[in-house]
C-alpha atoms as a PDB file:
ATOM      1  CA  MET A   1       8.930-168.140 104.995  1.00  0.00           C
ATOM      2  CA  GLY A   2       8.643-164.585 103.712  1.00  0.00           C
ATOM      3  CA  THR A   3       6.705-161.647 105.075  1.00  0.00           C
ATOM      4  CA  VAL A   4       3.156-160.793 104.384  1.00  0.00           C
ATOM      5  CA  GLY A   5       4.078-158.127 101.896  1.00  0.00           C
ATOM      6  CA  SER A   6       6.618-160.264  99.957  1.00  0.00           C
ATOM      7  CA  ILE A   7       4.118-163.117  99.593  1.00  0.00           C
ATOM      8  CA  LEU A   8       1.344-160.912  98.394  1.00  0.00           C
ATOM      9  CA  ARG A   9       3.669-159.003  95.998  1.00  0.00           C
ATOM     10  CA  SER A  10       5.141-162.162  94.554  1.00  0.00           C
ATOM     11  CA  GLU A  11       1.625-163.634  93.822  1.00  0.00           C
ATOM     12  CA  ARG A  12       0.446-160.331  92.316  1.00  0.00           C
ATOM     13  CA  LEU A  13       3.424-160.080  89.958  1.00  0.00           C
ATOM     14  CA  ARG A  14       3.032-163.725  89.011  1.00  0.00           C
ATOM     15  CA  ARG A  15      -0.550-162.994  87.965  1.00  0.00           C
ATOM     16  CA  GLY A  16       0.562-159.885  86.085  1.00  0.00           C
ATOM     17  CA  VAL A  17      -1.917-157.417  87.694  1.00  0.00           C
ATOM     18  CA  GLU A  18      -1.350-153.835  88.879  1.00  0.00           C
ATOM     19  CA  LEU A  19      -2.199-152.408  92.332  1.00  0.00           C
ATOM     20  CA  GLU A  20      -4.808-150.124  90.683  1.00  0.00           C
ATOM     21  CA  GLN A  21      -6.733-153.130  89.446  1.00  0.00           C
ATOM     22  CA  VAL A  22      -6.689-154.729  92.890  1.00  0.00           C
ATOM     23  CA  SER A  23      -7.854-151.423  94.457  1.00  0.00           C
ATOM     24  CA  ALA A  24     -10.751-151.175  91.921  1.00  0.00           C
ATOM     25  CA  GLU A  25     -11.975-154.677  92.792  1.00  0.00           C
ATOM     26  CA  THR A  26     -11.440-154.761  96.578  1.00  0.00           C
ATOM     27  CA  ARG A  27     -12.176-151.042  97.259  1.00  0.00           C
ATOM     28  CA  ILE A  28      -8.864-150.771  99.217  1.00  0.00           C
ATOM     29  CA  SER A  29      -6.841-147.658  98.440  1.00  0.00           C
ATOM     30  CA  VAL A  30      -3.604-148.024  96.482  1.00  0.00           C
ATOM     31  CA  LYS A  31      -1.797-146.328  99.413  1.00  0.00           C
ATOM     32  CA  ASN A  32      -2.824-149.054 101.843  1.00  0.00           C
ATOM     33  CA  LEU A  33      -2.064-151.862  99.325  1.00  0.00           C
ATOM     34  CA  ARG A  34       1.389-150.537  98.638  1.00  0.00           C
ATOM     35  CA  ALA A  35       1.984-150.173 102.423  1.00  0.00           C
ATOM     36  CA  ILE A  36       0.975-153.863 102.877  1.00  0.00           C
ATOM     37  CA  GLU A  37       3.406-155.008 100.198  1.00  0.00           C
ATOM     38  CA  ASP A  38       6.203-152.845 101.670  1.00  0.00           C
ATOM     39  CA  ASP A  39       5.424-154.180 105.214  1.00  0.00           C
ATOM     40  CA  ASP A  40       5.000-150.574 106.301  1.00  0.00           C
ATOM     41  CA  LEU A  41       2.972-151.174 109.475  1.00  0.00           C
ATOM     42  CA  ALA A  42       3.297-147.622 110.784  1.00  0.00           C
ATOM     43  CA  ILE A  43       0.575-146.365 108.369  1.00  0.00           C
ATOM     44  CA  PHE A  44      -2.078-148.456 110.080  1.00  0.00           C
ATOM     45  CA  LYS A  45      -3.623-147.131 113.304  1.00  0.00           C
ATOM     46  CA  GLY A  46      -4.485-150.532 114.613  1.00  0.00           C
ATOM     47  CA  SER A  47      -4.349-154.260 113.828  1.00  0.00           C
ATOM     48  CA  PHE A  48      -7.978-154.585 112.942  1.00  0.00           C
ATOM     49  CA  PHE A  49      -7.801-152.753 109.626  1.00  0.00           C
ATOM     50  CA  TYR A  50      -4.462-154.223 108.729  1.00  0.00           C
ATOM     51  CA  LYS A  51      -5.641-157.826 109.200  1.00  0.00           C
ATOM     52  CA  SER A  52      -8.902-157.142 107.283  1.00  0.00           C
ATOM     53  CA  PHE A  53      -7.083-155.579 104.302  1.00  0.00           C
ATOM     54  CA  VAL A  54      -4.508-158.436 104.207  1.00  0.00           C
ATOM     55  CA  ARG A  55      -7.312-161.092 104.202  1.00  0.00           C
ATOM     56  CA  GLN A  56      -9.153-159.284 101.378  1.00  0.00           C
ATOM     57  CA  PHE A  57      -5.939-158.883  99.398  1.00  0.00           C
ATOM     58  CA  ALA A  58      -5.022-162.551  99.742  1.00  0.00           C
ATOM     59  CA  ALA A  59      -8.632-163.718  98.896  1.00  0.00           C
ATOM     60  CA  TRP A  60      -8.581-161.590  95.695  1.00  0.00           C
ATOM     61  CA  LEU A  61      -5.287-163.313  94.660  1.00  0.00           C
ATOM     62  CA  ALA A  62      -6.886-166.702  95.447  1.00  0.00           C
ATOM     63  CA  LEU A  63      -4.251-167.439  98.053  1.00  0.00           C
ATOM     64  CA  PRO A  64      -5.194-169.944 100.710  1.00  0.00           C
ATOM     65  CA  ALA A  65      -5.496-168.550 104.249  1.00  0.00           C
ATOM     66  CA  GLU A  66      -2.639-170.805 105.485  1.00  0.00           C
ATOM     67  CA  ALA A  67      -0.175-169.005 103.139  1.00  0.00           C
ATOM     68  CA  VAL A  68      -0.389-165.749 105.166  1.00  0.00           C
ATOM     69  CA  ASP A  69      -1.478-166.940 108.594  1.00  0.00           C
ATOM     70  CA  ALA A  70       1.943-167.299 110.191  1.00  0.00           C
ATOM     71  CA  PRO A  71       3.579-164.006 108.807  1.00  0.00           C
ATOM     72  CA  LEU A  72       0.334-162.146 109.521  1.00  0.00           C
ATOM     73  CA  ALA A  73       0.340-163.212 113.154  1.00  0.00           C
ATOM     74  CA  ALA A  74       3.962-162.045 113.412  1.00  0.00           C
ATOM     75  CA  ALA A  75       3.075-158.714 111.819  1.00  0.00           C
ATOM     76  CA  LEU A  76      -0.028-158.186 114.097  1.00  0.00           C
ATOM     77  CA  SER A  77       2.157-158.561 117.151  1.00  0.00           C
ATOM     78  CA  ALA A  78       4.314-155.619 116.030  1.00  0.00           C
ATOM     79  CA  ILE A  79       1.282-153.181 115.599  1.00  0.00           C
ATOM     80  CA  PRO A  80       0.579-151.359 118.851  1.00  0.00           C
ATOM     81  CA  GLU A  81      -3.089-151.041 119.841  1.00  0.00           C
ATOM     82  CA  PRO A  82      -4.474-147.496 119.818  1.00  0.00           C
ATOM     83  CA  PRO A  83      -4.689-145.831 123.255  1.00  0.00           C
ATOM     84  CA  MET A  84      -8.060-145.508 125.011  1.00  0.00           C
ATOM     85  CA  PRO A  85      -9.695-142.076 124.830  1.00  0.00           C
ATOM     86  CA  GLY A  86      -8.280-139.763 127.505  1.00  0.00           C
ATOM     87  CA  VAL A  87      -5.124-141.918 128.074  1.00  0.00           C
ATOM     88  CA  PRO A  88      -1.778-140.633 126.699  1.00  0.00           C
ATOM     89  CA  GLU A  89       0.141-142.777 124.213  1.00  0.00           C
ATOM     90  CA  ASN A  90       2.834-143.671 126.912  1.00  0.00           C
ATOM     91  CA  GLY A  91       0.133-145.162 129.047  1.00  0.00           C
ATOM     92  CA  ALA A  92       0.652-142.698 131.973  1.00  0.00           C
ATOM     93  CA  ARG A  93      -2.397-141.126 133.452  1.00  0.00           C
ATOM     94  CA  GLY A  94      -2.596-137.338 132.741  1.00  0.00           C
ATOM     95  CA  ARG A  95      -2.726-134.824 135.498  1.00  0.00           C
ATOM     96  CA  THR A  96      -6.273-133.658 136.288  1.00  0.00           C
ATOM     97  CA  PRO A  97      -6.463-129.886 135.552  1.00  0.00           C
ATOM     98  CA  LYS A  98      -7.472-127.777 138.561  1.00  0.00           C
ATOM     99  CA  VAL A  99     -10.674-125.851 137.907  1.00  0.00           C
ATOM    100  CA  ALA A 100     -11.782-123.018 140.242  1.00  0.00           C
ATOM    101  CA  ALA A 101     -15.087-123.720 142.071  1.00  0.00           C
ATOM    102  CA  LEU A 102     -18.143-122.010 140.678  1.00  0.00           C
ATOM    103  CA  ARG A 103     -19.415-119.165 142.849  1.00  0.00           C
ATOM    104  CA  SER A 104     -23.100-119.153 143.324  1.00  0.00           C
ATOM    105  CA  SER A 105     -24.759-115.757 142.993  1.00  0.00           C
ATOM    106  CA  ARG A 106     -28.396-115.021 143.528  1.00  0.00           C
ATOM    107  CA  ARG A 107     -29.976-112.954 140.906  1.00  0.00           C
ATOM    108  CA  TRP A 108     -33.571-112.023 140.417  1.00  0.00           C
ATOM    109  CA  ASN A 109     -34.946-114.085 137.561  1.00  0.00           C
ATOM    110  CA  LEU A 110     -37.549-112.024 135.709  1.00  0.00           C
ATOM    111  CA  ARG A 111     -38.465-114.745 133.200  1.00  0.00           C
ATOM    112  CA  TRP A 112     -41.457-115.818 135.254  1.00  0.00           C
ATOM    113  CA  PHE A 113     -42.758-112.271 135.302  1.00  0.00           C
ATOM    114  CA  SER A 114     -42.731-111.983 131.422  1.00  0.00           C
ATOM    115  CA  SER A 115     -44.423-115.404 131.137  1.00  0.00           C
ATOM    116  CA  ALA A 116     -47.197-114.577 133.556  1.00  0.00           C
ATOM    117  CA  ALA A 117     -47.769-111.221 131.867  1.00  0.00           C
ATOM    118  CA  CYS A 118     -48.161-113.035 128.489  1.00  0.00           C
ATOM    119  CA  LEU A 119     -50.552-115.476 130.011  1.00  0.00           C
ATOM    120  CA  VAL A 120     -52.691-112.733 131.443  1.00  0.00           C
ATOM    121  CA  LEU A 121     -52.826-110.876 128.066  1.00  0.00           C
ATOM    122  CA  MET A 122     -53.824-114.094 126.245  1.00  0.00           C
ATOM    123  CA  LEU A 123     -56.602-114.817 128.643  1.00  0.00           C
ATOM    124  CA  GLY A 124     -57.871-111.251 128.401  1.00  0.00           C
ATOM    125  CA  GLY A 125     -57.783-111.334 124.583  1.00  0.00           C
ATOM    126  CA  CYS A 126     -59.669-114.644 124.414  1.00  0.00           C
ATOM    127  CA  SER A 127     -62.278-113.399 126.856  1.00  0.00           C
ATOM    128  CA  GLY A 128     -62.783-110.208 124.794  1.00  0.00           C
ATOM    129  CA  LEU A 129     -63.224-112.182 121.606  1.00  0.00           C
ATOM    130  CA  HIS A 130     -65.743-114.497 123.205  1.00  0.00           C
ATOM    131  CA  VAL A 131     -67.845-111.598 124.462  1.00  0.00           C
ATOM    132  CA  LEU A 132     -67.701-109.954 120.961  1.00  0.00           C
ATOM    133  CA  TRP A 133     -68.795-113.181 119.334  1.00  0.00           C
ATOM    134  CA  GLU A 134     -71.755-113.709 121.694  1.00  0.00           C
ATOM    135  CA  ASN A 135     -72.987-110.129 121.097  1.00  0.00           C
ATOM    136  CA  SER A 136     -72.761-110.265 117.319  1.00  0.00           C
ATOM    137  CA  ARG A 137     -73.755-113.958 116.724  1.00  0.00           C
ATOM    138  CA  GLY A 138     -77.536-113.227 116.450  1.00  0.00           C
ATOM    139  CA  ARG A 139     -77.121-110.474 113.899  1.00  0.00           C
ATOM    140  CA  PHE A 140     -74.696-112.695 111.891  1.00  0.00           C
ATOM    141  CA  GLU A 141     -77.016-115.654 111.828  1.00  0.00           C
ATOM    142  CA  ALA A 142     -80.013-113.561 110.691  1.00  0.00           C
ATOM    143  CA  SER A 143     -77.987-111.947 107.859  1.00  0.00           C
ATOM    144  CA  ALA A 144     -76.642-115.390 106.721  1.00  0.00           C
ATOM    145  CA  THR A 145     -80.131-116.908 106.657  1.00  0.00           C
ATOM    146  CA  ALA A 146     -81.595-114.055 104.639  1.00  0.00           C
ATOM    147  CA  PHE A 147     -78.727-114.283 102.124  1.00  0.00           C
ATOM    148  CA  ILE A 148     -79.184-118.072 101.664  1.00  0.00           C
ATOM    149  CA  HIS A 149     -82.929-117.692 101.057  1.00  0.00           C
ATOM    150  CA  SER A 150     -82.359-114.961  98.497  1.00  0.00           C
ATOM    151  CA  ALA A 151     -79.644-116.826  96.662  1.00  0.00           C
ATOM    152  CA  GLY A 152     -81.817-120.046  96.566  1.00  0.00           C
ATOM    153  CA  SER A 153     -84.729-118.106  95.018  1.00  0.00           C
ATOM    154  CA  ARG A 154     -82.544-116.613  92.340  1.00  0.00           C
ATOM    155  CA  LEU A 155     -80.903-119.926  91.416  1.00  0.00           C
ATOM    156  CA  ARG A 156     -84.350-121.635  91.047  1.00  0.00           C
ATOM    157  CA  GLY A 157     -85.569-118.900  88.792  1.00  0.00           C
ATOM    158  CA  LEU A 158     -82.443-119.031  86.614  1.00  0.00           C
ATOM    159  CA  ALA A 159     -82.682-122.843  86.273  1.00  0.00           C
ATOM    160  CA  THR A 160     -86.283-122.715  85.171  1.00  0.00           C
ATOM    161  CA  ALA A 161     -85.633-120.130  82.534  1.00  0.00           C
ATOM    162  CA  THR A 162     -82.639-122.060  81.171  1.00  0.00           C
ATOM    163  CA  VAL A 163     -84.719-125.236  80.788  1.00  0.00           C
ATOM    164  CA  VAL A 164     -87.480-123.377  78.890  1.00  0.00           C
ATOM    165  CA  HIS A 165     -85.157-121.598  76.444  1.00  0.00           C
ATOM    166  CA  ALA A 166     -82.735-124.453  75.768  1.00  0.00           C
ATOM    167  CA  ALA A 167     -85.350-127.092  74.747  1.00  0.00           C
ATOM    168  CA  PRO A 168     -85.620-125.976  71.055  1.00  0.00           C
ATOM    169  CA  SER A 169     -81.807-125.670  70.661  1.00  0.00           C
ATOM    170  CA  VAL A 170     -81.359-129.140  71.944  1.00  0.00           C
ATOM    171  CA  ALA A 171     -83.852-130.518  69.424  1.00  0.00           C
ATOM    172  CA  ILE A 172     -82.151-128.680  66.484  1.00  0.00           C
ATOM    173  CA  ALA A 173     -78.678-129.749  67.583  1.00  0.00           C
ATOM    174  CA  SER A 174     -79.684-133.400  67.881  1.00  0.00           C
ATOM    175  CA  ALA A 175     -80.774-133.458  64.259  1.00  0.00           C
ATOM    176  CA  ARG A 176     -77.403-132.305  63.072  1.00  0.00           C
ATOM    177  CA  VAL A 177     -75.142-134.648  65.207  1.00  0.00           C
ATOM    178  CA  PRO A 178     -73.493-137.163  62.843  1.00  0.00           C
ATOM    179  CA  ALA A 179     -73.243-140.871  63.671  1.00  0.00           C
ATOM    180  CA  ARG A 180     -70.481-141.683  66.132  1.00  0.00           C
ATOM    181  CA  VAL A 181     -67.320-143.349  64.868  1.00  0.00           C
ATOM    182  CA  PRO A 182     -66.272-146.324  67.030  1.00  0.00           C
ATOM    183  CA  VAL A 183     -63.281-145.472  69.102  1.00  0.00           C
ATOM    184  CA  PRO A 184     -60.581-148.289  69.612  1.00  0.00           C
ATOM    185  CA  SER A 185     -60.443-149.502  73.160  1.00  0.00           C
ATOM    186  CA  ARG A 186     -57.564-148.552  75.377  1.00  0.00           C
ATOM    187  CA  ALA A 187     -56.565-152.106  75.844  1.00  0.00           C
ATOM    188  CA  ALA A 188     -55.784-152.432  72.092  1.00  0.00           C
ATOM    189  CA  THR A 189     -53.271-149.580  72.230  1.00  0.00           C
ATOM    190  CA  THR A 190     -51.538-150.531  75.430  1.00  0.00           C
ATOM    191  CA  ALA A 191     -47.729-150.628  75.245  1.00  0.00           C
ATOM    192  CA  PRO A 192     -46.119-154.038  75.654  1.00  0.00           C
ATOM    193  CA  SER A 193     -45.310-155.114  79.205  1.00  0.00           C
ATOM    194  CA  GLN A 194     -42.004-155.055  80.822  1.00  0.00           C
ATOM    195  CA  GLU A 195     -41.692-158.866  80.498  1.00  0.00           C
ATOM    196  CA  ALA A 196     -42.374-158.714  76.760  1.00  0.00           C
ATOM    197  CA  SER A 197     -39.534-156.179  76.230  1.00  0.00           C
ATOM    198  CA  GLY A 198     -36.980-158.531  77.817  1.00  0.00           C
ATOM    199  CA  ALA A 199     -36.165-156.256  80.770  1.00  0.00           C
ATOM    200  CA  PHE A 200     -35.747-157.349  84.366  1.00  0.00           C
ATOM    201  CA  HIS A 201     -36.014-155.551  87.690  1.00  0.00           C
ATOM    202  CA  VAL A 202     -33.937-155.946  90.847  1.00  0.00           C
ATOM    203  CA  GLU A 203     -34.566-154.199  94.238  1.00  0.00           C
ATOM    204  CA  VAL A 204     -31.871-154.219  96.991  1.00  0.00           C
ATOM    205  CA  SER A 205     -32.808-153.196 100.532  1.00  0.00           C
ATOM    206  CA  ALA A 206     -30.345-152.817 103.488  1.00  0.00           C
ATOM    207  CA  VAL A 207     -31.085-153.850 107.134  1.00  0.00           C
ATOM    208  CA  GLU A 208     -27.707-152.433 108.279  1.00  0.00           C
ATOM    209  CA  PRO A 209     -24.840-150.471 106.639  1.00  0.00           C
ATOM    210  CA  ALA A 210     -23.210-152.396 103.796  1.00  0.00           C
ATOM    211  CA  TRP A 211     -20.890-151.475 100.941  1.00  0.00           C
ATOM    212  CA  LEU A 212     -22.585-152.076  97.556  1.00  0.00           C
ATOM    213  CA  SER A 213     -21.603-151.820  93.820  1.00  0.00           C
ATOM    214  CA  ILE A 214     -24.225-152.087  90.993  1.00  0.00           C
ATOM    215  CA  VAL A 215     -23.302-152.460  87.319  1.00  0.00           C
ATOM    216  CA  THR A 216     -26.184-152.639  84.776  1.00  0.00           C
ATOM    217  CA  ASP A 217     -25.543-153.548  81.053  1.00  0.00           C
ATOM    218  CA  GLY A 218     -21.837-152.643  81.436  1.00  0.00           C
ATOM    219  CA  LYS A 219     -22.443-149.322  83.206  1.00  0.00           C
ATOM    220  CA  GLU A 220     -21.812-148.737  86.898  1.00  0.00           C
ATOM    221  CA  ILE A 221     -24.909-146.952  88.269  1.00  0.00           C
ATOM    222  CA  TYR A 222     -24.048-147.021  92.011  1.00  0.00           C
ATOM    223  CA  SER A 223     -20.998-147.549  94.290  1.00  0.00           C
ATOM    224  CA  GLY A 224     -20.940-146.707  97.959  1.00  0.00           C
ATOM    225  CA  THR A 225     -22.273-147.618 101.446  1.00  0.00           C
ATOM    226  CA  LEU A 226     -26.033-148.416 101.483  1.00  0.00           C
ATOM    227  CA  GLU A 227     -27.385-147.284 104.849  1.00  0.00           C
ATOM    228  CA  ALA A 228     -29.983-149.134 106.986  1.00  0.00           C
ATOM    229  CA  ALA A 229     -33.563-148.941 105.583  1.00  0.00           C
ATOM    230  CA  GLU A 230     -32.201-147.598 102.273  1.00  0.00           C
ATOM    231  CA  THR A 231     -33.220-149.158  98.952  1.00  0.00           C
ATOM    232  CA  LYS A 232     -31.622-149.199  95.478  1.00  0.00           C
ATOM    233  CA  THR A 233     -33.320-150.455  92.362  1.00  0.00           C
ATOM    234  CA  LEU A 234     -31.975-151.333  88.947  1.00  0.00           C
ATOM    235  CA  GLU A 235     -33.530-152.280  85.547  1.00  0.00           C
ATOM    236  CA  GLY A 236     -31.491-154.158  83.027  1.00  0.00           C
ATOM    237  CA  HIS A 237     -32.005-155.753  79.682  1.00  0.00           C
ATOM    238  CA  ASP A 238     -28.912-157.884  79.205  1.00  0.00           C
ATOM    239  CA  ARG A 239     -26.901-158.401  82.383  1.00  0.00           C
ATOM    240  CA  ALA A 240     -26.476-156.815  85.807  1.00  0.00           C
ATOM    241  CA  ARG A 241     -23.991-157.433  88.592  1.00  0.00           C
ATOM    242  CA  ILE A 242     -24.246-156.686  92.324  1.00  0.00           C
ATOM    243  CA  ARG A 243     -21.161-156.884  94.591  1.00  0.00           C
ATOM    244  CA  THR A 244     -21.431-156.340  98.367  1.00  0.00           C
ATOM    245  CA  GLY A 245     -19.081-156.526 101.307  1.00  0.00           C
ATOM    246  CA  ASN A 246     -21.860-157.572 103.803  1.00  0.00           C
ATOM    247  CA  ALA A 247     -24.123-160.085 102.147  1.00  0.00           C
ATOM    248  CA  GLY A 248     -26.212-160.762 105.271  1.00  0.00           C
ATOM    249  CA  ALA A 249     -27.202-157.132 105.510  1.00  0.00           C
ATOM    250  CA  LEU A 250     -29.023-157.055 102.091  1.00  0.00           C
ATOM    251  CA  SER A 251     -32.473-158.373 101.091  1.00  0.00           C
ATOM    252  CA  VAL A 252     -32.964-158.771  97.300  1.00  0.00           C
ATOM    253  CA  MET A 253     -36.153-158.939  95.257  1.00  0.00           C
ATOM    254  CA  PHE A 254     -35.775-160.208  91.576  1.00  0.00           C
ATOM    255  CA  ASN A 255     -38.668-159.515  89.136  1.00  0.00           C
ATOM    256  CA  GLY A 256     -41.152-159.205  92.012  1.00  0.00           C
ATOM    257  CA  LYS A 257     -39.904-162.402  93.855  1.00  0.00           C
ATOM    258  CA  VAL A 258     -38.052-162.169  97.104  1.00  0.00           C
ATOM    259  CA  ILE A 259     -34.760-164.127  97.051  1.00  0.00           C
ATOM    260  CA  GLY A 260     -33.788-162.976 100.589  1.00  0.00           C
ATOM    261  CA  PRO A 261     -30.195-162.210 101.702  1.00  0.00           C
ATOM    262  CA  LEU A 262     -27.185-163.072  99.543  1.00  0.00           C
ATOM    263  CA  GLY A 263     -25.184-164.768 102.333  1.00  0.00           C
ATOM    264  CA  GLU A 264     -23.956-164.400 105.860  1.00  0.00           C
ATOM    265  CA  ARG A 265     -23.263-161.173 107.692  1.00  0.00           C
ATOM    266  CA  GLY A 266     -19.791-159.895 106.776  1.00  0.00           C
ATOM    267  CA  GLN A 267     -19.401-161.980 103.557  1.00  0.00           C
ATOM    268  CA  VAL A 268     -18.161-160.579 100.269  1.00  0.00           C
ATOM    269  CA  ARG A 269     -20.407-161.740  97.424  1.00  0.00           C
ATOM    270  CA  THR A 270     -21.041-161.092  93.739  1.00  0.00           C
ATOM    271  CA  VAL A 271     -24.378-161.914  92.097  1.00  0.00           C
ATOM    272  CA  VAL A 272     -24.973-161.825  88.328  1.00  0.00           C
ATOM    273  CA  PHE A 273     -28.569-161.234  87.025  1.00  0.00           C
ATOM    274  CA  THR A 274     -29.907-162.032  83.530  1.00  0.00           C
ATOM    275  CA  PRO A 275     -33.490-161.463  82.353  1.00  0.00           C
ATOM    276  CA  ASP A 276     -34.711-164.947  83.538  1.00  0.00           C
ATOM    277  CA  ASN A 277     -32.222-166.082  86.170  1.00  0.00           C
ATOM    278  CA  TYR A 278     -29.453-165.094  88.621  1.00  0.00           C
ATOM    279  CA  GLU A 279     -26.220-166.732  89.801  1.00  0.00           C
ATOM    280  CA  ILE A 280     -23.949-166.280  92.842  1.00  0.00           C
ATOM    281  CA  LEU A 281     -20.301-166.309  91.705  1.00  0.00           C
ATOM    282  CA  GLY A 282     -17.367-167.926  93.517  1.00  0.00           C
ATOM    283  CA  ASN A 283     -16.935-168.806  97.150  1.00  0.00           C
ATOM    284  CA  ALA A 284     -17.827-166.115  99.632  1.00  0.00           C
ATOM    285  CA  THR A 285     -15.055-164.940 101.985  1.00  0.00           C
ATOM    286  CA  ALA A 286     -15.993-163.954 105.567  1.00  0.00           C
ATOM    287  CA  VAL A 287     -14.333-160.754 106.846  1.00  0.00           C
ATOM    288  CA  ALA A 288     -14.791-158.813 110.085  1.00  0.00           C
ATOM    289  CA  LEU A 289     -15.826-155.602 108.485  1.00  0.00           C
ATOM    290  CA  VAL A 290     -19.581-154.957 107.802  1.00  0.00           C
ATOM    291  CA  SER A 291     -19.168-151.390 106.463  1.00  0.00           C
ATOM    292  CA  PHE A 292     -16.256-149.317 105.178  1.00  0.00           C
ATOM    293  CA  THR A 293     -15.607-146.344 102.981  1.00  0.00           C
ATOM    294  CA  PRO A 294     -14.892-146.872  99.205  1.00  0.00           C
ATOM    295  CA  LYS A 295     -11.205-145.884  99.765  1.00  0.00           C
ATOM    296  CA  GLY A 296     -10.817-148.159 102.831  1.00  0.00           C
ATOM    297  CA  GLU A 297      -9.172-145.543 104.894  1.00  0.00           C
END
């Protein structure tokens, strides 16, 4: 029985693929993939990431889980767990530093005095404005009423004069107006709908962080971690592909119809969309990660 790295390297070489191709498909950095094949466990800070990367690598090579279970268990036992925060790596408790006691000193706090002064000034200003308004309100109301009556009288006189002088012009103009040409209705010039053009629409929403890759008509339009309550939309004409590392965290709507999540939480899934249908490819592989960076570090 070989090591985890020798088993994965042999299968990869047998298939004739490079580490760069595996990294592009699994989103695990080439550095981590090479460390796995070399059985270099010192690069991993804990057993969690090492186990997850090995599972994804083996699943991509279509190796059964039993092929790497035994050597993986042996490798995990050799990886030390990271120390708890505040505890040194050797496990010994650090010496508590001695801090001198704080000396209390009474000082006069003048903040309350400035606050009280601002409050008094504000109340005095409001009172002065109120008295000024009460004294001048009568004169302001009388001036406003006189102005409104004067403006109303002028507007009524102007409207009467306009009606009297405009009547002959309206009669002359009506005799010269040619017959109207029928205008085509807006419905006749409406552009064809989205369905008639053969396009399709997909909307992806996340309920928790999930890595997502979107390729539309052969062009990658998004690759990264979709945060909770974030939405991505795509519009294609021929073919679109969605790949995610946390299928249960995504809700998908296809051409206005809700198709729900793509799988269980933590599953890696690939879905292909065409103008009239969609298909989930391959068997989903459950992993412990529900979000990670594109490089996997």
